[in-house]
Amino acid sequence: MQRERLAFRRSRSRRSTAVALVSTLVFAAVAWFGVTSAPGWPRVRQSFFSLDAAVRALPAVLEGLWLNVRVLVVCEALILVLGVLIAALRTLRGPVWFPVRALATGYVDLFRGLPLIICLYLIGFGLPGLRLTGIPNDPVLLGGIALVLVYSAYVAEVFRAGIESVHPSQLAAARSLGLNHRRTMRIVVLPQAVRRVLPALLNDFVALQKDCGLISVLGAVDAVRAAQIASATSYNFTPYVLAGLLFVLLAVPSARLADWAARRLARRQGLA
């Protein structure tokens, strides 16, 4: 009976896969026919899907994408550190820590509510405008600072949710073993909190991958700005499509990693 069940499940799985494949092909064919039969399709194809324009713009866009990747890696590391710090400050207990909690809460409220593009303008043009000694004027550095400030507020709330999801009995057990607050957070709370919020954390970093392209508004020659320059010289929008596809290819592995982490967490919790 067990073999029959397994054979039935395999047959159902093969049939479901075949149906999904056929339906996908039919949908793609209908969508392709609907787009290509439009009266303006030849003009759109020439303006947005020109192979020659894509080949000419590819080296510059790839060089700009490498800048986006470097900004992403550095910002991710800084956001993780700052996010954990702010989350830990928000979870401090006792009236003596109220000013610290209020400061951390105000930081989160400010940068979660402030649109990223406005923060980029404020940091990118406001800080150099002060003309203080030591203030950088590099658009890449200033754009990275704005990204870290905004995304650390989101990541701090993700970490705080994970910290508060740890059952109070875990804290009581750690205190009964003689651990102070700092060691309890480091040994008991944070390892459990990080495992629980990993899918949400990865989703935030997928969003960060896209938003790294916004540093182009400050003049940094990343993939978006390289596409803009190529489009302005060729009077063709294909470089924008090329840059968008490269960003999608960069984000897909992270998205699949986030899905895998969510499924793994669900299996560990007995939900799947």
Protein backbone atom coordinates (compact mmCIF):
# COMPACT_ATOMS: atom_id res chain seq x y z
CA MET A 1 0.00 0.00 0.00
CA GLN A 2 2.89 2.33 0.73
CA ARG A 3 4.33 1.69 -2.74
CA GLU A 4 0.93 2.39 -4.30
CA ARG A 5 0.64 5.64 -2.40
CA LEU A 6 4.11 6.73 -3.52
CA ALA A 7 3.33 5.79 -7.13
CA PHE A 8 0.05 7.72 -6.98
CA ARG A 9 1.79 10.79 -5.56
CA ARG A 10 4.46 10.63 -8.26
CA SER A 11 1.84 10.38 -10.99
CA ARG A 12 -0.10 13.30 -9.53
CA SER A 13 3.11 15.32 -9.29
CA ARG A 14 4.03 14.59 -12.92
CA ARG A 15 0.55 15.46 -14.09
CA SER A 16 0.54 18.71 -12.10
CA THR A 17 3.93 19.63 -13.56
CA ALA A 18 2.72 18.93 -17.09
CA VAL A 19 -0.45 20.98 -16.60
CA ALA A 20 1.55 23.88 -15.14
CA LEU A 21 4.00 23.77 -18.06
CA VAL A 22 1.26 23.72 -20.69
CA SER A 23 -0.71 26.52 -19.03
CA THR A 24 2.46 28.62 -18.74
CA LEU A 25 3.26 28.13 -22.43
CA VAL A 26 -0.30 29.00 -23.44
CA PHE A 27 -0.30 32.14 -21.29
CA ALA A 28 3.10 33.20 -22.66
CA ALA A 29 1.94 32.65 -26.22
CA VAL A 30 -1.25 34.66 -25.70
CA ALA A 31 0.67 37.49 -24.00
CA TRP A 32 3.28 37.53 -26.77
CA PHE A 33 0.65 37.59 -29.49
CA GLY A 34 -1.27 40.37 -27.73
CA VAL A 35 1.84 42.54 -27.40
CA THR A 36 3.31 41.94 -30.84
CA SER A 37 -0.01 42.49 -32.61
CA ALA A 38 -0.37 45.99 -31.13
CA PRO A 39 -0.08 48.80 -33.71
CA GLY A 40 2.81 50.47 -31.91
CA TRP A 41 4.85 47.33 -31.28
CA PRO A 42 7.47 47.94 -34.05
CA ARG A 43 8.22 51.36 -32.60
CA VAL A 44 8.38 50.02 -29.03
CA ARG A 45 10.64 47.16 -30.08
CA GLN A 46 13.02 49.57 -31.75
CA SER A 47 13.05 51.97 -28.77
CA PHE A 48 13.16 49.49 -25.86
CA PHE A 49 14.46 46.16 -27.19
CA SER A 50 17.23 47.06 -29.60
CA LEU A 51 19.96 44.42 -29.51
CA ASP A 52 22.58 46.78 -30.95
CA ALA A 53 21.87 49.41 -28.30
CA ALA A 54 22.03 46.76 -25.55
CA VAL A 55 25.41 45.47 -26.76
CA ARG A 56 26.86 48.99 -26.92
CA ALA A 57 25.63 49.88 -23.42
CA LEU A 58 26.46 46.56 -21.74
CA PRO A 59 30.10 47.32 -20.67
CA ALA A 60 29.22 50.64 -19.05
CA VAL A 61 26.11 49.24 -17.34
CA LEU A 62 28.06 46.26 -16.01
CA GLU A 63 30.72 48.56 -14.62
CA GLY A 64 28.03 50.61 -12.92
CA LEU A 65 26.39 47.45 -11.57
CA TRP A 66 29.69 46.46 -9.95
CA LEU A 67 29.54 49.76 -8.06
CA ASN A 68 25.99 48.89 -6.92
CA VAL A 69 27.18 45.49 -5.69
CA ARG A 70 30.01 47.03 -3.65
CA VAL A 71 27.65 49.58 -2.11
CA LEU A 72 25.20 46.78 -1.33
CA VAL A 73 27.77 44.63 0.49
CA VAL A 74 29.12 47.48 2.62
CA CYS A 75 25.66 48.83 3.44
CA GLU A 76 24.34 45.39 4.40
CA ALA A 77 27.13 44.90 6.94
CA LEU A 78 26.61 48.35 8.47
CA ILE A 79 22.82 47.97 8.51
CA LEU A 80 23.05 44.66 10.36
CA VAL A 81 25.27 46.14 13.07
CA LEU A 82 23.25 49.35 13.47
CA GLY A 83 19.92 47.51 13.31
CA VAL A 84 20.88 45.10 16.10
CA LEU A 85 22.15 47.99 18.22
CA ILE A 86 18.96 50.02 17.83
CA ALA A 87 16.77 46.97 18.48
CA ALA A 88 18.73 46.19 21.65
CA LEU A 89 18.35 49.78 22.83
CA ARG A 90 14.59 49.69 22.24
CA THR A 91 14.24 46.54 24.33
CA LEU A 92 16.01 47.91 27.41
CA ARG A 93 13.84 47.83 30.51
CA GLY A 94 13.65 50.19 33.44
CA PRO A 95 12.89 53.90 33.82
CA VAL A 96 16.57 54.83 33.85
CA TRP A 97 16.83 53.76 30.18
CA PHE A 98 13.84 55.82 29.04
CA PRO A 99 15.93 58.54 27.31
CA VAL A 100 17.81 55.87 25.34
CA ARG A 101 14.59 54.09 24.37
CA ALA A 102 13.01 57.39 23.37
CA LEU A 103 16.02 58.31 21.22
CA ALA A 104 16.00 54.90 19.49
CA THR A 105 12.23 55.11 18.95
CA GLY A 106 12.52 58.60 17.49
CA TYR A 107 15.25 57.41 15.13
CA VAL A 108 13.09 54.53 13.88
CA ASP A 109 10.01 56.72 13.48
CA LEU A 110 11.95 59.39 11.60
CA PHE A 111 13.76 57.23 9.08
CA ARG A 112 10.90 54.77 8.53
CA GLY A 113 8.60 57.65 7.69
CA LEU A 114 11.08 59.62 5.59
CA PRO A 115 11.06 58.64 1.89
CA LEU A 116 14.43 57.32 0.78
CA ILE A 117 14.70 59.73 -2.13
CA ILE A 118 14.25 62.71 0.20
CA CYS A 119 16.82 61.30 2.61
CA LEU A 120 19.25 60.94 -0.29
CA TYR A 121 18.77 64.57 -1.22
CA LEU A 122 19.10 65.77 2.37
CA ILE A 123 22.27 63.76 3.02
CA GLY A 124 23.76 64.10 -0.44
CA PHE A 125 23.33 67.85 -0.79
CA GLY A 126 22.81 68.99 2.79
CA LEU A 127 25.96 67.62 4.41
CA PRO A 128 28.41 69.02 1.82
CA GLY A 129 26.51 72.30 1.98
CA LEU A 130 27.57 72.73 5.61
CA ARG A 131 31.20 73.06 4.43
CA LEU A 132 32.52 71.55 7.62
CA THR A 133 35.97 70.04 7.81
CA GLY A 134 35.89 66.28 7.29
CA ILE A 135 32.46 66.17 5.66
CA PRO A 136 32.76 63.99 2.53
CA ASN A 137 31.42 65.03 -0.85
CA ASP A 138 31.68 61.67 -2.59
CA PRO A 139 28.17 60.83 -3.92
CA VAL A 140 28.75 57.09 -3.43
CA LEU A 141 29.66 57.55 0.23
CA LEU A 142 26.83 59.99 0.88
CA GLY A 143 24.33 57.74 -0.86
CA GLY A 144 25.54 54.81 1.22
CA ILE A 145 25.05 56.80 4.41
CA ALA A 146 21.46 57.59 3.43
CA LEU A 147 20.76 53.92 2.64
CA VAL A 148 22.20 52.82 5.98
CA LEU A 149 20.18 55.38 7.92
CA VAL A 150 16.88 54.42 6.29
CA TYR A 151 17.24 50.67 6.13
CA SER A 152 18.71 50.31 9.62
CA ALA A 153 15.38 51.64 10.94
CA TYR A 154 13.48 48.86 9.13
CA VAL A 155 15.97 46.17 10.11
CA ALA A 156 15.90 47.35 13.74
CA GLU A 157 12.16 46.73 13.86
CA VAL A 158 12.66 43.28 12.35
CA PHE A 159 15.24 42.43 15.00
CA ARG A 160 13.06 43.89 17.75
CA ALA A 161 10.17 41.67 16.67
CA GLY A 162 12.48 38.67 16.83
CA ILE A 163 13.79 39.62 20.28
CA GLU A 164 10.32 40.11 21.69
CA SER A 165 9.16 36.79 20.21
CA VAL A 166 11.53 34.90 22.52
CA HIS A 167 9.48 33.52 25.40
CA PRO A 168 10.07 35.16 28.80
CA SER A 169 10.85 31.75 30.27
CA GLN A 170 14.07 31.78 28.23
CA LEU A 171 15.10 35.01 29.95
CA ALA A 172 14.14 33.64 33.36
CA ALA A 173 16.16 30.48 32.74
CA ALA A 174 19.18 32.52 31.71
CA ARG A 175 18.91 34.71 34.79
CA SER A 176 18.61 31.60 37.00
CA LEU A 177 21.94 30.45 35.57
CA GLY A 178 23.54 33.71 36.66
CA LEU A 179 23.76 35.39 33.25
CA ASN A 180 23.54 39.18 33.19
CA HIS A 181 21.49 41.11 30.62
CA ARG A 182 24.33 41.46 28.12
CA ARG A 183 25.26 37.78 28.16
CA THR A 184 21.59 36.76 28.08
CA MET A 185 21.07 38.80 24.93
CA ARG A 186 24.24 37.49 23.28
CA ILE A 187 23.94 33.80 24.19
CA VAL A 188 20.20 33.15 24.56
CA VAL A 189 18.04 35.80 22.90
CA LEU A 190 19.83 36.97 19.76
CA PRO A 191 20.56 33.49 18.29
CA GLN A 192 16.88 32.58 18.53
CA ALA A 193 15.73 35.99 17.31
CA VAL A 194 17.98 35.93 14.23
CA ARG A 195 16.72 32.50 13.17
CA ARG A 196 13.11 33.63 13.45
CA VAL A 197 13.50 36.87 11.52
CA LEU A 198 15.86 35.60 8.83
CA PRO A 199 13.20 35.45 6.05
CA ALA A 200 12.00 38.99 6.76
CA LEU A 201 15.60 40.17 6.99
CA LEU A 202 16.47 38.70 3.61
CA ASN A 203 13.40 40.36 2.08
CA ASP A 204 14.62 43.73 3.34
CA PHE A 205 17.98 43.12 1.71
CA VAL A 206 16.28 42.20 -1.58
CA ALA A 207 14.61 45.61 -1.45
CA LEU A 208 17.98 47.19 -0.62
CA GLN A 209 19.47 45.69 -3.79
CA LYS A 210 16.99 47.66 -5.90
CA ASP A 211 17.28 50.86 -3.90
CA CYS A 212 21.05 50.93 -4.29
CA GLY A 213 20.31 52.21 -7.78
CA LEU A 214 18.91 55.42 -6.30
CA ILE A 215 22.39 56.69 -5.47
CA SER A 216 22.44 57.77 -9.12
CA VAL A 217 20.35 60.83 -8.16
CA LEU A 218 23.44 62.19 -6.40
CA GLY A 219 25.62 61.80 -9.50
CA ALA A 220 27.19 58.40 -8.82
CA VAL A 221 27.80 56.54 -12.08
CA ASP A 222 26.14 53.27 -11.17
CA ALA A 223 24.12 50.99 -13.46
CA VAL A 224 21.15 53.38 -13.57
CA ARG A 225 23.26 56.45 -14.35
CA ALA A 226 25.29 54.51 -16.94
CA ALA A 227 22.02 53.49 -18.59
CA GLN A 228 20.85 57.10 -18.51
CA ILE A 229 24.05 58.30 -20.19
CA ALA A 230 23.85 55.59 -22.85
CA SER A 231 20.19 56.35 -23.48
CA ALA A 232 20.89 60.06 -23.84
CA THR A 233 23.64 59.45 -26.40
CA SER A 234 21.75 56.89 -28.47
CA TYR A 235 18.19 58.27 -28.09
CA ASN A 236 17.10 54.74 -27.18
CA PHE A 237 15.59 53.36 -23.95
CA THR A 238 17.10 49.88 -24.28
CA PRO A 239 19.91 50.61 -21.75
CA TYR A 240 17.25 51.16 -19.07
CA VAL A 241 15.71 47.77 -19.88
CA LEU A 242 19.17 46.22 -19.75
CA ALA A 243 19.91 47.75 -16.34
CA GLY A 244 16.53 46.57 -15.06
CA LEU A 245 17.19 43.01 -16.20
CA LEU A 246 20.59 43.01 -14.51
CA PHE A 247 19.02 44.19 -11.25
CA VAL A 248 16.44 41.41 -11.53
CA LEU A 249 19.17 38.82 -12.09
CA LEU A 250 20.95 40.19 -9.03
CA ALA A 251 17.82 40.02 -6.87
CA VAL A 252 16.49 36.59 -7.91
CA PRO A 253 19.09 34.52 -5.97
CA SER A 254 18.44 36.54 -2.83
CA ALA A 255 14.67 36.14 -3.27
CA ARG A 256 15.01 32.37 -3.65
CA LEU A 257 17.26 32.31 -0.57
CA ALA A 258 14.58 34.16 1.37
CA ASP A 259 11.94 31.65 0.24
CA TRP A 260 14.18 28.76 1.24
CA ALA A 261 14.80 30.27 4.66
CA ALA A 262 11.05 30.77 5.17
CA ARG A 263 10.29 27.15 4.24
CA ARG A 264 13.08 25.87 6.46
CA LEU A 265 11.80 27.90 9.41
CA ALA A 266 8.26 26.63 8.79
CA ARG A 267 9.49 23.02 8.79
CA ARG A 268 11.42 23.54 12.01
CA GLN A 269 8.31 24.97 13.65
CA GLY A 270 6.15 22.12 12.35
CA LEU A 271 4.06 24.37 10.10
CA ALA A 272 4.95 22.67 6.84
